[in-house]
PDB file of N, CA and C in Angstrom:
ATOM      1  N   MET A   1     -19.519  -1.958 -24.907  1.00  0.00           N
ATOM      2  CA  MET A   1     -18.109  -2.027 -25.231  1.00  0.00           C
ATOM      3  C   MET A   1     -17.954  -1.686 -26.710  1.00  0.00           C
ATOM      4  N   THR A   2     -17.114  -0.734 -26.980  1.00  0.00           N
ATOM      5  CA  THR A   2     -16.894  -0.325 -28.365  1.00  0.00           C
ATOM      6  C   THR A   2     -15.957  -1.311 -29.069  1.00  0.00           C
ATOM      7  N   ALA A   3     -15.928  -1.195 -30.378  1.00  0.00           N
ATOM      8  CA  ALA A   3     -15.068  -2.087 -31.171  1.00  0.00           C
ATOM      9  C   ALA A   3     -13.599  -1.875 -30.836  1.00  0.00           C
ATOM     10  N   SER A   4     -13.205  -0.638 -30.576  1.00  0.00           N
ATOM     11  CA  SER A   4     -11.796  -0.379 -30.252  1.00  0.00           C
ATOM     12  C   SER A   4     -11.418  -0.964 -28.896  1.00  0.00           C
ATOM     13  N   VAL A   5     -12.305  -0.869 -27.912  1.00  0.00           N
ATOM     14  CA  VAL A   5     -12.030  -1.453 -26.595  1.00  0.00           C
ATOM     15  C   VAL A   5     -11.962  -2.977 -26.711  1.00  0.00           C
ATOM     16  N   LEU A   6     -12.841  -3.553 -27.511  1.00  0.00           N
ATOM     17  CA  LEU A   6     -12.812  -4.995 -27.739  1.00  0.00           C
ATOM     18  C   LEU A   6     -11.504  -5.422 -28.405  1.00  0.00           C
ATOM     19  N   ALA A   7     -11.063  -4.680 -29.396  1.00  0.00           N
ATOM     20  CA  ALA A   7      -9.818  -5.002 -30.094  1.00  0.00           C
ATOM     21  C   ALA A   7      -8.616  -4.890 -29.157  1.00  0.00           C
ATOM     22  N   ILE A   8      -8.602  -3.861 -28.320  1.00  0.00           N
ATOM     23  CA  ILE A   8      -7.508  -3.685 -27.361  1.00  0.00           C
ATOM     24  C   ILE A   8      -7.514  -4.835 -26.343  1.00  0.00           C
ATOM     25  N   THR A   9      -8.703  -5.232 -25.895  1.00  0.00           N
ATOM     26  CA  THR A   9      -8.824  -6.337 -24.938  1.00  0.00           C
ATOM     27  C   THR A   9      -8.292  -7.636 -25.530  1.00  0.00           C
ATOM     28  N   VAL A  10      -8.660  -7.908 -26.771  1.00  0.00           N
ATOM     29  CA  VAL A  10      -8.184  -9.119 -27.441  1.00  0.00           C
ATOM     30  C   VAL A  10      -6.664  -9.081 -27.607  1.00  0.00           C
ATOM     31  N   ALA A  11      -6.135  -7.942 -28.024  1.00  0.00           N
ATOM     32  CA  ALA A  11      -4.686  -7.822 -28.213  1.00  0.00           C
ATOM     33  C   ALA A  11      -3.942  -8.007 -26.890  1.00  0.00           C
ATOM     34  N   LEU A  12      -4.442  -7.407 -25.820  1.00  0.00           N
ATOM     35  CA  LEU A  12      -3.797  -7.558 -24.517  1.00  0.00           C
ATOM     36  C   LEU A  12      -3.935  -8.984 -23.988  1.00  0.00           C
ATOM     37  N   GLY A  13      -5.038  -9.659 -24.325  1.00  0.00           N
ATOM     38  CA  GLY A  13      -5.184 -11.066 -23.958  1.00  0.00           C
ATOM     39  C   GLY A  13      -4.116 -11.918 -24.616  1.00  0.00           C
ATOM     40  N   GLY A  14      -3.821 -11.616 -25.881  1.00  0.00           N
ATOM     41  CA  GLY A  14      -2.745 -12.333 -26.582  1.00  0.00           C
ATOM     42  C   GLY A  14      -1.389 -12.068 -25.957  1.00  0.00           C
ATOM     43  N   ILE A  15      -1.162 -10.828 -25.560  1.00  0.00           N
ATOM     44  CA  ILE A  15       0.109 -10.483 -24.907  1.00  0.00           C
ATOM     45  C   ILE A  15       0.220 -11.220 -23.572  1.00  0.00           C
ATOM     46  N   GLY A  16      -0.877 -11.268 -22.814  1.00  0.00           N
ATOM     47  CA  GLY A  16      -0.872 -11.997 -21.545  1.00  0.00           C
ATOM     48  C   GLY A  16      -0.569 -13.466 -21.731  1.00  0.00           C
ATOM     49  N   ALA A  17      -1.148 -14.070 -22.771  1.00  0.00           N
ATOM     50  CA  ALA A  17      -0.891 -15.485 -23.044  1.00  0.00           C
ATOM     51  C   ALA A  17       0.570 -15.715 -23.437  1.00  0.00           C
ATOM     52  N   LEU A  18       1.138 -14.789 -24.200  1.00  0.00           N
ATOM     53  CA  LEU A  18       2.559 -14.910 -24.557  1.00  0.00           C
ATOM     54  C   LEU A  18       3.458 -14.771 -23.334  1.00  0.00           C
ATOM     55  N   LEU A  19       3.111 -13.839 -22.445  1.00  0.00           N
ATOM     56  CA  LEU A  19       3.881 -13.694 -21.208  1.00  0.00           C
ATOM     57  C   LEU A  19       3.819 -14.975 -20.380  1.00  0.00           C
ATOM     58  N   ARG A  20       2.637 -15.603 -20.338  1.00  0.00           N
ATOM     59  CA  ARG A  20       2.493 -16.866 -19.619  1.00  0.00           C
ATOM     60  C   ARG A  20       3.393 -17.931 -20.237  1.00  0.00           C
ATOM     61  N   LEU A  21       3.464 -17.975 -21.550  1.00  0.00           N
ATOM     62  CA  LEU A  21       4.335 -18.933 -22.237  1.00  0.00           C
ATOM     63  C   LEU A  21       5.803 -18.677 -21.892  1.00  0.00           C
ATOM     64  N   PHE A  22       6.215 -17.414 -21.894  1.00  0.00           N
ATOM     65  CA  PHE A  22       7.603 -17.074 -21.575  1.00  0.00           C
ATOM     66  C   PHE A  22       7.953 -17.476 -20.146  1.00  0.00           C
ATOM     67  N   VAL A  23       7.022 -17.277 -19.211  1.00  0.00           N
ATOM     68  CA  VAL A  23       7.271 -17.675 -17.824  1.00  0.00           C
ATOM     69  C   VAL A  23       7.417 -19.192 -17.733  1.00  0.00           C
ATOM     70  N   SER A  24       6.573 -19.930 -18.450  1.00  0.00           N
ATOM     71  CA  SER A  24       6.673 -21.392 -18.395  1.00  0.00           C
ATOM     72  C   SER A  24       7.980 -21.889 -18.998  1.00  0.00           C
ATOM     73  N   LYS A  25       8.513 -21.186 -19.973  1.00  0.00           N
ATOM     74  CA  LYS A  25       9.809 -21.561 -20.559  1.00  0.00           C
ATOM     75  C   LYS A  25      10.968 -21.143 -19.657  1.00  0.00           C
ATOM     76  N   ALA A  26      10.776 -20.058 -18.899  1.00  0.00           N
ATOM     77  CA  ALA A  26      11.843 -19.562 -18.023  1.00  0.00           C
ATOM     78  C   ALA A  26      11.992 -20.417 -16.766  1.00  0.00           C
ATOM     79  N   ILE A  27      10.942 -21.145 -16.399  1.00  0.00           N
ATOM     80  CA  ILE A  27      10.989 -22.012 -15.223  1.00  0.00           C
ATOM     81  C   ILE A  27      10.817 -23.444 -15.715  1.00  0.00           C
ATOM     82  N   PRO A  28      11.901 -24.058 -16.193  1.00  0.00           N
ATOM     83  CA  PRO A  28      11.790 -25.404 -16.781  1.00  0.00           C
ATOM     84  C   PRO A  28      11.646 -26.487 -15.716  1.00  0.00           C
ATOM     85  N   ASN A  29      11.252 -27.657 -16.165  1.00  0.00           N
ATOM     86  CA  ASN A  29      11.170 -28.855 -15.333  1.00  0.00           C
ATOM     87  C   ASN A  29      10.221 -28.708 -14.151  1.00  0.00           C
ATOM     88  N   SER A  30       9.209 -27.894 -14.304  1.00  0.00           N
ATOM     89  CA  SER A  30       8.229 -27.722 -13.245  1.00  0.00           C
ATOM     90  C   SER A  30       6.879 -27.430 -13.869  1.00  0.00           C
ATOM     91  N   LEU A  31       5.859 -28.054 -13.337  1.00  0.00           N
ATOM     92  CA  LEU A  31       4.510 -27.759 -13.802  1.00  0.00           C
ATOM     93  C   LEU A  31       3.805 -26.759 -12.896  1.00  0.00           C
ATOM     94  N   TRP A  32       4.065 -26.857 -11.602  1.00  0.00           N
ATOM     95  CA  TRP A  32       3.335 -26.044 -10.640  1.00  0.00           C
ATOM     96  C   TRP A  32       3.864 -24.621 -10.504  1.00  0.00           C
ATOM     97  N   TRP A  33       5.171 -24.438 -10.526  1.00  0.00           N
ATOM     98  CA  TRP A  33       5.731 -23.102 -10.297  1.00  0.00           C
ATOM     99  C   TRP A  33       5.328 -22.071 -11.348  1.00  0.00           C
ATOM    100  N   PRO A  34       5.441 -22.362 -12.637  1.00  0.00           N
ATOM    101  CA  PRO A  34       5.047 -21.337 -13.620  1.00  0.00           C
ATOM    102  C   PRO A  34       3.581 -20.928 -13.493  1.00  0.00           C
ATOM    103  N   ILE A  35       2.714 -21.891 -13.215  1.00  0.00           N
ATOM    104  CA  ILE A  35       1.298 -21.564 -13.067  1.00  0.00           C
ATOM    105  C   ILE A  35       1.086 -20.684 -11.845  1.00  0.00           C
ATOM    106  N   GLY A  36       1.762 -20.997 -10.749  1.00  0.00           N
ATOM    107  CA  GLY A  36       1.647 -20.183  -9.546  1.00  0.00           C
ATOM    108  C   GLY A  36       2.152 -18.768  -9.760  1.00  0.00           C
ATOM    109  N   VAL A  37       3.268 -18.646 -10.457  1.00  0.00           N
ATOM    110  CA  VAL A  37       3.842 -17.318 -10.715  1.00  0.00           C
ATOM    111  C   VAL A  37       2.892 -16.474 -11.552  1.00  0.00           C
ATOM    112  N   VAL A  38       2.404 -17.017 -12.668  1.00  0.00           N
ATOM    113  CA  VAL A  38       1.532 -16.211 -13.535  1.00  0.00           C
ATOM    114  C   VAL A  38       0.197 -15.924 -12.867  1.00  0.00           C
ATOM    115  N   ASN A  39      -0.329 -16.863 -12.088  1.00  0.00           N
ATOM    116  CA  ASN A  39      -1.598 -16.604 -11.420  1.00  0.00           C
ATOM    117  C   ASN A  39      -1.458 -15.522 -10.349  1.00  0.00           C
ATOM    118  N   CYS A  40      -0.355 -15.538  -9.612  1.00  0.00           N
ATOM    119  CA  CYS A  40      -0.142 -14.498  -8.590  1.00  0.00           C
ATOM    120  C   CYS A  40       0.120 -13.133  -9.222  1.00  0.00           C
ATOM    121  N   ILE A  41       0.925 -13.098 -10.264  1.00  0.00           N
ATOM    122  CA  ILE A  41       1.197 -11.825 -10.947  1.00  0.00           C
ATOM    123  C   ILE A  41      -0.076 -11.287 -11.589  1.00  0.00           C
ATOM    124  N   GLY A  42      -0.806 -12.150 -12.282  1.00  0.00           N
ATOM    125  CA  GLY A  42      -2.048 -11.716 -12.918  1.00  0.00           C
ATOM    126  C   GLY A  42      -3.081 -11.262 -11.910  1.00  0.00           C
ATOM    127  N   SER A  43      -3.200 -11.965 -10.797  1.00  0.00           N
ATOM    128  CA  SER A  43      -4.145 -11.571  -9.755  1.00  0.00           C
ATOM    129  C   SER A  43      -3.757 -10.234  -9.132  1.00  0.00           C
ATOM    130  N   ALA A  44      -2.467 -10.044  -8.895  1.00  0.00           N
ATOM    131  CA  ALA A  44      -1.999  -8.765  -8.366  1.00  0.00           C
ATOM    132  C   ALA A  44      -2.254  -7.639  -9.366  1.00  0.00           C
ATOM    133  N   LEU A  45      -2.022  -7.893 -10.634  1.00  0.00           N
ATOM    134  CA  LEU A  45      -2.281  -6.900 -11.675  1.00  0.00           C
ATOM    135  C   LEU A  45      -3.755  -6.478 -11.668  1.00  0.00           C
ATOM    136  N   VAL A  46      -4.642  -7.450 -11.574  1.00  0.00           N
ATOM    137  CA  VAL A  46      -6.074  -7.141 -11.535  1.00  0.00           C
ATOM    138  C   VAL A  46      -6.409  -6.329 -10.282  1.00  0.00           C
ATOM    139  N   GLY A  47      -5.794  -6.654  -9.147  1.00  0.00           N
ATOM    140  CA  GLY A  47      -6.022  -5.885  -7.926  1.00  0.00           C
ATOM    141  C   GLY A  47      -5.581  -4.439  -8.056  1.00  0.00           C
ATOM    142  N   VAL A  48      -4.428  -4.224  -8.667  1.00  0.00           N
ATOM    143  CA  VAL A  48      -3.923  -2.856  -8.874  1.00  0.00           C
ATOM    144  C   VAL A  48      -4.846  -2.085  -9.809  1.00  0.00           C
ATOM    145  N   ILE A  49      -5.229  -2.695 -10.911  1.00  0.00           N
ATOM    146  CA  ILE A  49      -6.069  -2.006 -11.896  1.00  0.00           C
ATOM    147  C   ILE A  49      -7.437  -1.688 -11.310  1.00  0.00           C
ATOM    148  N   PHE A  50      -7.974  -2.614 -10.501  1.00  0.00           N
ATOM    149  CA  PHE A  50      -9.274  -2.380  -9.879  1.00  0.00           C
ATOM    150  C   PHE A  50      -9.231  -1.205  -8.905  1.00  0.00           C
ATOM    151  N   ALA A  51      -8.078  -0.993  -8.278  1.00  0.00           N
ATOM    152  CA  ALA A  51      -7.949   0.054  -7.266  1.00  0.00           C
ATOM    153  C   ALA A  51      -7.818   1.457  -7.865  1.00  0.00           C
ATOM    154  N   ILE A  52      -7.304   1.552  -9.074  1.00  0.00           N
ATOM    155  CA  ILE A  52      -7.115   2.877  -9.672  1.00  0.00           C
ATOM    156  C   ILE A  52      -8.422   3.351 -10.304  1.00  0.00           C
ATOM    157  N   PRO A  53      -8.569   4.650 -10.471  1.00  0.00           N
ATOM    158  CA  PRO A  53      -9.808   5.163 -11.071  1.00  0.00           C
ATOM    159  C   PRO A  53     -10.063   4.544 -12.447  1.00  0.00           C
ATOM    160  N   GLU A  54     -11.332   4.257 -12.700  1.00  0.00           N
ATOM    161  CA  GLU A  54     -11.707   3.599 -13.945  1.00  0.00           C
ATOM    162  C   GLU A  54     -11.423   4.495 -15.144  1.00  0.00           C
ATOM    163  N   SER A  55     -10.931   3.872 -16.209  1.00  0.00           N
ATOM    164  CA  SER A  55     -10.638   4.580 -17.448  1.00  0.00           C
ATOM    165  C   SER A  55     -10.956   3.665 -18.626  1.00  0.00           C
ATOM    166  N   LEU A  56     -10.632   4.115 -19.802  1.00  0.00           N
ATOM    167  CA  LEU A  56     -10.821   3.323 -21.008  1.00  0.00           C
ATOM    168  C   LEU A  56     -10.000   2.034 -20.948  1.00  0.00           C
ATOM    169  N   TRP A  57      -8.898   2.044 -20.211  1.00  0.00           N
ATOM    170  CA  TRP A  57      -7.983   0.902 -20.163  1.00  0.00           C
ATOM    171  C   TRP A  57      -8.336  -0.123 -19.086  1.00  0.00           C
ATOM    172  N   THR A  58      -9.287   0.178 -18.219  1.00  0.00           N
ATOM    173  CA  THR A  58      -9.602  -0.718 -17.098  1.00  0.00           C
ATOM    174  C   THR A  58     -10.020  -2.103 -17.571  1.00  0.00           C
ATOM    175  N   VAL A  59     -11.023  -2.176 -18.413  1.00  0.00           N
ATOM    176  CA  VAL A  59     -11.521  -3.475 -18.888  1.00  0.00           C
ATOM    177  C   VAL A  59     -10.473  -4.204 -19.727  1.00  0.00           C
ATOM    178  N   PRO A  60      -9.836  -3.548 -20.703  1.00  0.00           N
ATOM    179  CA  PRO A  60      -8.826  -4.282 -21.473  1.00  0.00           C
ATOM    180  C   PRO A  60      -7.681  -4.822 -20.621  1.00  0.00           C
ATOM    181  N   LEU A  61      -7.244  -4.049 -19.638  1.00  0.00           N
ATOM    182  CA  LEU A  61      -6.135  -4.518 -18.806  1.00  0.00           C
ATOM    183  C   LEU A  61      -6.560  -5.643 -17.870  1.00  0.00           C
ATOM    184  N   MET A  62      -7.742  -5.517 -17.260  1.00  0.00           N
ATOM    185  CA  MET A  62      -8.185  -6.553 -16.332  1.00  0.00           C
ATOM    186  C   MET A  62      -8.570  -7.835 -17.065  1.00  0.00           C
ATOM    187  N   LEU A  63      -9.449  -7.713 -18.049  1.00  0.00           N
ATOM    188  CA  LEU A  63      -9.946  -8.912 -18.731  1.00  0.00           C
ATOM    189  C   LEU A  63      -8.984  -9.420 -19.787  1.00  0.00           C
ATOM    190  N   GLY A  64      -8.324  -8.517 -20.483  1.00  0.00           N
ATOM    191  CA  GLY A  64      -7.409  -8.929 -21.538  1.00  0.00           C
ATOM    192  C   GLY A  64      -6.080  -9.395 -20.983  1.00  0.00           C
ATOM    193  N   LEU A  65      -5.286  -8.459 -20.475  1.00  0.00           N
ATOM    194  CA  LEU A  65      -3.950  -8.797 -19.992  1.00  0.00           C
ATOM    195  C   LEU A  65      -4.001  -9.717 -18.771  1.00  0.00           C
ATOM    196  N   GLY A  66      -4.807  -9.344 -17.767  1.00  0.00           N
ATOM    197  CA  GLY A  66      -4.910 -10.178 -16.567  1.00  0.00           C
ATOM    198  C   GLY A  66      -5.496 -11.550 -16.861  1.00  0.00           C
ATOM    199  N   GLY A  67      -6.541 -11.593 -17.678  1.00  0.00           N
ATOM    200  CA  GLY A  67      -7.163 -12.867 -18.034  1.00  0.00           C
ATOM    201  C   GLY A  67      -6.280 -13.732 -18.914  1.00  0.00           C
ATOM    202  N   GLY A  68      -5.553 -13.101 -19.830  1.00  0.00           N
ATOM    203  CA  GLY A  68      -4.656 -13.859 -20.693  1.00  0.00           C
ATOM    204  C   GLY A  68      -3.441 -14.392 -19.951  1.00  0.00           C
ATOM    205  N   LEU A  69      -3.022 -13.676 -18.932  1.00  0.00           N
ATOM    206  CA  LEU A  69      -1.850 -14.086 -18.158  1.00  0.00           C
ATOM    207  C   LEU A  69      -2.173 -15.224 -17.203  1.00  0.00           C
ATOM    208  N   THR A  70      -3.292 -15.146 -16.519  1.00  0.00           N
ATOM    209  CA  THR A  70      -3.631 -16.176 -15.542  1.00  0.00           C
ATOM    210  C   THR A  70      -4.203 -17.404 -16.236  1.00  0.00           C
ATOM    211  N   THR A  71      -4.146 -18.529 -15.555  1.00  0.00           N
ATOM    212  CA  THR A  71      -4.607 -19.769 -16.176  1.00  0.00           C
ATOM    213  C   THR A  71      -5.171 -20.733 -15.147  1.00  0.00           C
ATOM    214  N   PHE A  72      -6.483 -20.740 -15.013  1.00  0.00           N
ATOM    215  CA  PHE A  72      -7.109 -21.707 -14.133  1.00  0.00           C
ATOM    216  C   PHE A  72      -7.277 -23.047 -14.832  1.00  0.00           C
ATOM    217  N   SER A  73      -7.443 -23.022 -16.139  1.00  0.00           N
ATOM    218  CA  SER A  73      -7.663 -24.274 -16.873  1.00  0.00           C
ATOM    219  C   SER A  73      -6.451 -25.198 -16.789  1.00  0.00           C
ATOM    220  N   THR A  74      -5.252 -24.669 -16.870  1.00  0.00           N
ATOM    221  CA  THR A  74      -4.060 -25.503 -16.757  1.00  0.00           C
ATOM    222  C   THR A  74      -3.930 -26.056 -15.344  1.00  0.00           C
ATOM    223  N   LEU A  75      -4.258 -25.245 -14.364  1.00  0.00           N
ATOM    224  CA  LEU A  75      -4.238 -25.702 -12.978  1.00  0.00           C
ATOM    225  C   LEU A  75      -5.250 -26.833 -12.779  1.00  0.00           C
ATOM    226  N   ALA A  76      -6.433 -26.678 -13.350  1.00  0.00           N
ATOM    227  CA  ALA A  76      -7.453 -27.731 -13.240  1.00  0.00           C
ATOM    228  C   ALA A  76      -6.986 -29.016 -13.908  1.00  0.00           C
ATOM    229  N   LEU A  77      -6.302 -28.887 -15.028  1.00  0.00           N
ATOM    230  CA  LEU A  77      -5.793 -30.071 -15.717  1.00  0.00           C
ATOM    231  C   LEU A  77      -4.738 -30.799 -14.883  1.00  0.00           C
ATOM    232  N   LEU A  78      -3.890 -30.047 -14.195  1.00  0.00           N
ATOM    233  CA  LEU A  78      -2.843 -30.668 -13.381  1.00  0.00           C
ATOM    234  C   LEU A  78      -3.400 -31.459 -12.212  1.00  0.00           C
ATOM    235  N   VAL A  79      -4.514 -31.026 -11.645  1.00  0.00           N
ATOM    236  CA  VAL A  79      -5.064 -31.751 -10.501  1.00  0.00           C
ATOM    237  C   VAL A  79      -6.045 -32.831 -10.929  1.00  0.00           C
ATOM    238  N   SER A  80      -6.394 -32.876 -12.194  1.00  0.00           N
ATOM    239  CA  SER A  80      -7.308 -33.910 -12.672  1.00  0.00           C
ATOM    240  C   SER A  80      -6.581 -35.246 -12.767  1.00  0.00           C
ATOM    241  N   PRO A  81      -7.274 -36.314 -12.437  1.00  0.00           N
ATOM    242  CA  PRO A  81      -6.625 -37.630 -12.509  1.00  0.00           C
ATOM    243  C   PRO A  81      -6.413 -38.060 -13.953  1.00  0.00           C
ATOM    244  N   ASN A  82      -5.312 -38.762 -14.186  1.00  0.00           N
ATOM    245  CA  ASN A  82      -5.116 -39.336 -15.513  1.00  0.00           C
ATOM    246  C   ASN A  82      -5.676 -40.753 -15.518  1.00  0.00           C
ATOM    247  N   LEU A  83      -5.609 -41.420 -16.628  1.00  0.00           N
ATOM    248  CA  LEU A  83      -6.255 -42.724 -16.765  1.00  0.00           C
ATOM    249  C   LEU A  83      -5.604 -43.816 -15.915  1.00  0.00           C
ATOM    250  N   GLU A  84      -4.331 -43.653 -15.575  1.00  0.00           N
ATOM    251  CA  GLU A  84      -3.639 -44.688 -14.820  1.00  0.00           C
ATOM    252  C   GLU A  84      -3.835 -44.555 -13.309  1.00  0.00           C
ATOM    253  N   GLN A  85      -4.330 -43.428 -12.855  1.00  0.00           N
ATOM    254  CA  GLN A  85      -4.433 -43.204 -11.420  1.00  0.00           C
ATOM    255  C   GLN A  85      -5.893 -43.192 -10.981  1.00  0.00           C
ATOM    256  N   LYS A  86      -6.100 -43.561  -9.759  1.00  0.00           N
ATOM    257  CA  LYS A  86      -7.453 -43.496  -9.210  1.00  0.00           C
ATOM    258  C   LYS A  86      -7.768 -42.043  -8.887  1.00  0.00           C
ATOM    259  N   MET A  87      -8.993 -41.658  -9.160  1.00  0.00           N
ATOM    260  CA  MET A  87      -9.383 -40.261  -9.014  1.00  0.00           C
ATOM    261  C   MET A  87      -9.158 -39.748  -7.596  1.00  0.00           C
ATOM    262  N   PHE A  88      -9.609 -40.461  -6.582  1.00  0.00           N
ATOM    263  CA  PHE A  88      -9.491 -39.981  -5.210  1.00  0.00           C
ATOM    264  C   PHE A  88      -8.039 -39.791  -4.805  1.00  0.00           C
ATOM    265  N   THR A  89      -7.189 -40.730  -5.162  1.00  0.00           N
ATOM    266  CA  THR A  89      -5.774 -40.643  -4.817  1.00  0.00           C
ATOM    267  C   THR A  89      -5.127 -39.436  -5.476  1.00  0.00           C
ATOM    268  N   GLN A  90      -5.401 -39.216  -6.743  1.00  0.00           N
ATOM    269  CA  GLN A  90      -4.805 -38.088  -7.475  1.00  0.00           C
ATOM    270  C   GLN A  90      -5.281 -36.749  -6.913  1.00  0.00           C
ATOM    271  N   ILE A  91      -6.570 -36.614  -6.699  1.00  0.00           N
ATOM    272  CA  ILE A  91      -7.097 -35.354  -6.176  1.00  0.00           C
ATOM    273  C   ILE A  91      -6.592 -35.105  -4.763  1.00  0.00           C
ATOM    274  N   ARG A  92      -6.580 -36.147  -3.930  1.00  0.00           N
ATOM    275  CA  ARG A  92      -6.119 -35.985  -2.548  1.00  0.00           C
ATOM    276  C   ARG A  92      -4.652 -35.573  -2.495  1.00  0.00           C
ATOM    277  N   SER A  93      -3.827 -36.126  -3.367  1.00  0.00           N
ATOM    278  CA  SER A  93      -2.404 -35.785  -3.336  1.00  0.00           C
ATOM    279  C   SER A  93      -2.144 -34.383  -3.867  1.00  0.00           C
ATOM    280  N   ASN A  94      -2.988 -33.877  -4.745  1.00  0.00           N
ATOM    281  CA  ASN A  94      -2.785 -32.541  -5.306  1.00  0.00           C
ATOM    282  C   ASN A  94      -3.593 -31.454  -4.605  1.00  0.00           C
ATOM    283  N   LEU A  95      -4.467 -31.831  -3.689  1.00  0.00           N
ATOM    284  CA  LEU A  95      -5.324 -30.854  -3.031  1.00  0.00           C
ATOM    285  C   LEU A  95      -4.554 -29.764  -2.287  1.00  0.00           C
ATOM    286  N   PRO A  96      -3.500 -30.087  -1.535  1.00  0.00           N
ATOM    287  CA  PRO A  96      -2.752 -29.009  -0.872  1.00  0.00           C
ATOM    288  C   PRO A  96      -2.168 -27.987  -1.863  1.00  0.00           C
ATOM    289  N   LEU A  97      -1.620 -28.464  -2.979  1.00  0.00           N
ATOM    290  CA  LEU A  97      -1.077 -27.534  -3.971  1.00  0.00           C
ATOM    291  C   LEU A  97      -2.173 -26.703  -4.621  1.00  0.00           C
ATOM    292  N   LEU A  98      -3.295 -27.305  -4.898  1.00  0.00           N
ATOM    293  CA  LEU A  98      -4.410 -26.569  -5.476  1.00  0.00           C
ATOM    294  C   LEU A  98      -4.871 -25.475  -4.516  1.00  0.00           C
ATOM    295  N   CYS A  99      -5.024 -25.814  -3.255  1.00  0.00           N
ATOM    296  CA  CYS A  99      -5.437 -24.827  -2.246  1.00  0.00           C
ATOM    297  C   CYS A  99      -4.414 -23.706  -2.121  1.00  0.00           C
ATOM    298  N   LEU A 100      -3.143 -24.060  -2.145  1.00  0.00           N
ATOM    299  CA  LEU A 100      -2.085 -23.059  -2.069  1.00  0.00           C
ATOM    300  C   LEU A 100      -2.169 -22.084  -3.237  1.00  0.00           C
ATOM    301  N   HIS A 101      -2.371 -22.595  -4.438  1.00  0.00           N
ATOM    302  CA  HIS A 101      -2.487 -21.735  -5.617  1.00  0.00           C
ATOM    303  C   HIS A 101      -3.681 -20.793  -5.507  1.00  0.00           C
ATOM    304  N   VAL A 102      -4.808 -21.302  -5.083  1.00  0.00           N
ATOM    305  CA  VAL A 102      -6.009 -20.477  -4.974  1.00  0.00           C
ATOM    306  C   VAL A 102      -5.822 -19.408  -3.895  1.00  0.00           C
ATOM    307  N   VAL A 103      -5.332 -19.808  -2.742  1.00  0.00           N
ATOM    308  CA  VAL A 103      -5.137 -18.861  -1.639  1.00  0.00           C
ATOM    309  C   VAL A 103      -4.112 -17.792  -2.017  1.00  0.00           C
ATOM    310  N   LEU A 104      -2.993 -18.187  -2.610  1.00  0.00           N
ATOM    311  CA  LEU A 104      -1.977 -17.205  -2.995  1.00  0.00           C
ATOM    312  C   LEU A 104      -2.497 -16.254  -4.073  1.00  0.00           C
ATOM    313  N   GLY A 105      -3.298 -16.744  -5.008  1.00  0.00           N
ATOM    314  CA  GLY A 105      -3.876 -15.875  -6.027  1.00  0.00           C
ATOM    315  C   GLY A 105      -4.797 -14.831  -5.424  1.00  0.00           C
ATOM    316  N   VAL A 106      -5.668 -15.270  -4.516  1.00  0.00           N
ATOM    317  CA  VAL A 106      -6.594 -14.330  -3.860  1.00  0.00           C
ATOM    318  C   VAL A 106      -5.819 -13.348  -2.987  1.00  0.00           C
ATOM    319  N   LEU A 107      -4.837 -13.833  -2.241  1.00  0.00           N
ATOM    320  CA  LEU A 107      -4.025 -12.930  -1.415  1.00  0.00           C
ATOM    321  C   LEU A 107      -3.245 -11.927  -2.261  1.00  0.00           C
ATOM    322  N   SER A 108      -2.757 -12.349  -3.419  1.00  0.00           N
ATOM    323  CA  SER A 108      -2.042 -11.434  -4.311  1.00  0.00           C
ATOM    324  C   SER A 108      -2.954 -10.319  -4.774  1.00  0.00           C
ATOM    325  N   CYS A 109      -4.164 -10.675  -5.168  1.00  0.00           N
ATOM    326  CA  CYS A 109      -5.125  -9.666  -5.624  1.00  0.00           C
ATOM    327  C   CYS A 109      -5.485  -8.712  -4.487  1.00  0.00           C
ATOM    328  N   PHE A 110      -5.821  -9.272  -3.330  1.00  0.00           N
ATOM    329  CA  PHE A 110      -6.208  -8.456  -2.185  1.00  0.00           C
ATOM    330  C   PHE A 110      -5.080  -7.540  -1.732  1.00  0.00           C
ATOM    331  N   SER A 111      -3.865  -8.086  -1.649  1.00  0.00           N
ATOM    332  CA  SER A 111      -2.718  -7.278  -1.204  1.00  0.00           C
ATOM    333  C   SER A 111      -2.428  -6.143  -2.183  1.00  0.00           C
ATOM    334  N   ALA A 112      -2.433  -6.437  -3.466  1.00  0.00           N
ATOM    335  CA  ALA A 112      -2.165  -5.396  -4.465  1.00  0.00           C
ATOM    336  C   ALA A 112      -3.256  -4.329  -4.424  1.00  0.00           C
ATOM    337  N   LEU A 113      -4.495  -4.744  -4.242  1.00  0.00           N
ATOM    338  CA  LEU A 113      -5.600  -3.793  -4.145  1.00  0.00           C
ATOM    339  C   LEU A 113      -5.422  -2.892  -2.931  1.00  0.00           C
ATOM    340  N   ALA A 114      -5.113  -3.489  -1.779  1.00  0.00           N
ATOM    341  CA  ALA A 114      -4.947  -2.717  -0.540  1.00  0.00           C
ATOM    342  C   ALA A 114      -3.753  -1.770  -0.628  1.00  0.00           C
ATOM    343  N   ILE A 115      -2.650  -2.247  -1.156  1.00  0.00           N
ATOM    344  CA  ILE A 115      -1.453  -1.398  -1.267  1.00  0.00           C
ATOM    345  C   ILE A 115      -1.703  -0.242  -2.224  1.00  0.00           C
ATOM    346  N   THR A 116      -2.355  -0.520  -3.339  1.00  0.00           N
ATOM    347  CA  THR A 116      -2.627   0.535  -4.323  1.00  0.00           C
ATOM    348  C   THR A 116      -3.601   1.553  -3.753  1.00  0.00           C
ATOM    349  N   GLN A 117      -4.656   1.086  -3.067  1.00  0.00           N
ATOM    350  CA  GLN A 117      -5.599   2.022  -2.472  1.00  0.00           C
ATOM    351  C   GLN A 117      -4.921   2.872  -1.410  1.00  0.00           C
ATOM    352  N   GLY A 118      -4.005   2.266  -0.642  1.00  0.00           N
ATOM    353  CA  GLY A 118      -3.272   3.027   0.368  1.00  0.00           C
ATOM    354  C   GLY A 118      -2.344   4.070  -0.228  1.00  0.00           C
ATOM    355  N   ALA A 119      -1.810   3.767  -1.406  1.00  0.00           N
ATOM    356  CA  ALA A 119      -0.890   4.688  -2.063  1.00  0.00           C
ATOM    357  C   ALA A 119      -1.627   5.851  -2.734  1.00  0.00           C
ATOM    358  N   LEU A 120      -2.887   5.624  -3.067  1.00  0.00           N
ATOM    359  CA  LEU A 120      -3.657   6.693  -3.746  1.00  0.00           C
ATOM    360  C   LEU A 120      -4.225   7.638  -2.779  1.00  0.00           C
TER     361      LEU A 120
END
């Protein structure tokens, strides 16, 4: 990876993180929806980029923009138990939402990849 590709990747990662922040501000009073939206959009973006012929922009767009936009760490924090709750109860109550987020993210990536490959 050249220095210019690394710099572009870092810059696009920052842009992805800012987009994630804007989405979280645009969907107030919810913790789960903004994370689901950015994870599905980011996963779909990675699927589209993976489907197109590789270029200088492939890695920066997938790892930088897609990686900066998506957020597994925030999702993991939401399903983690806090000090006042018992671990099993907290994880069990959030497990359906966690599964939904993971499944929708994978389906977004797969669908975008399939649609893009079909269009090419």
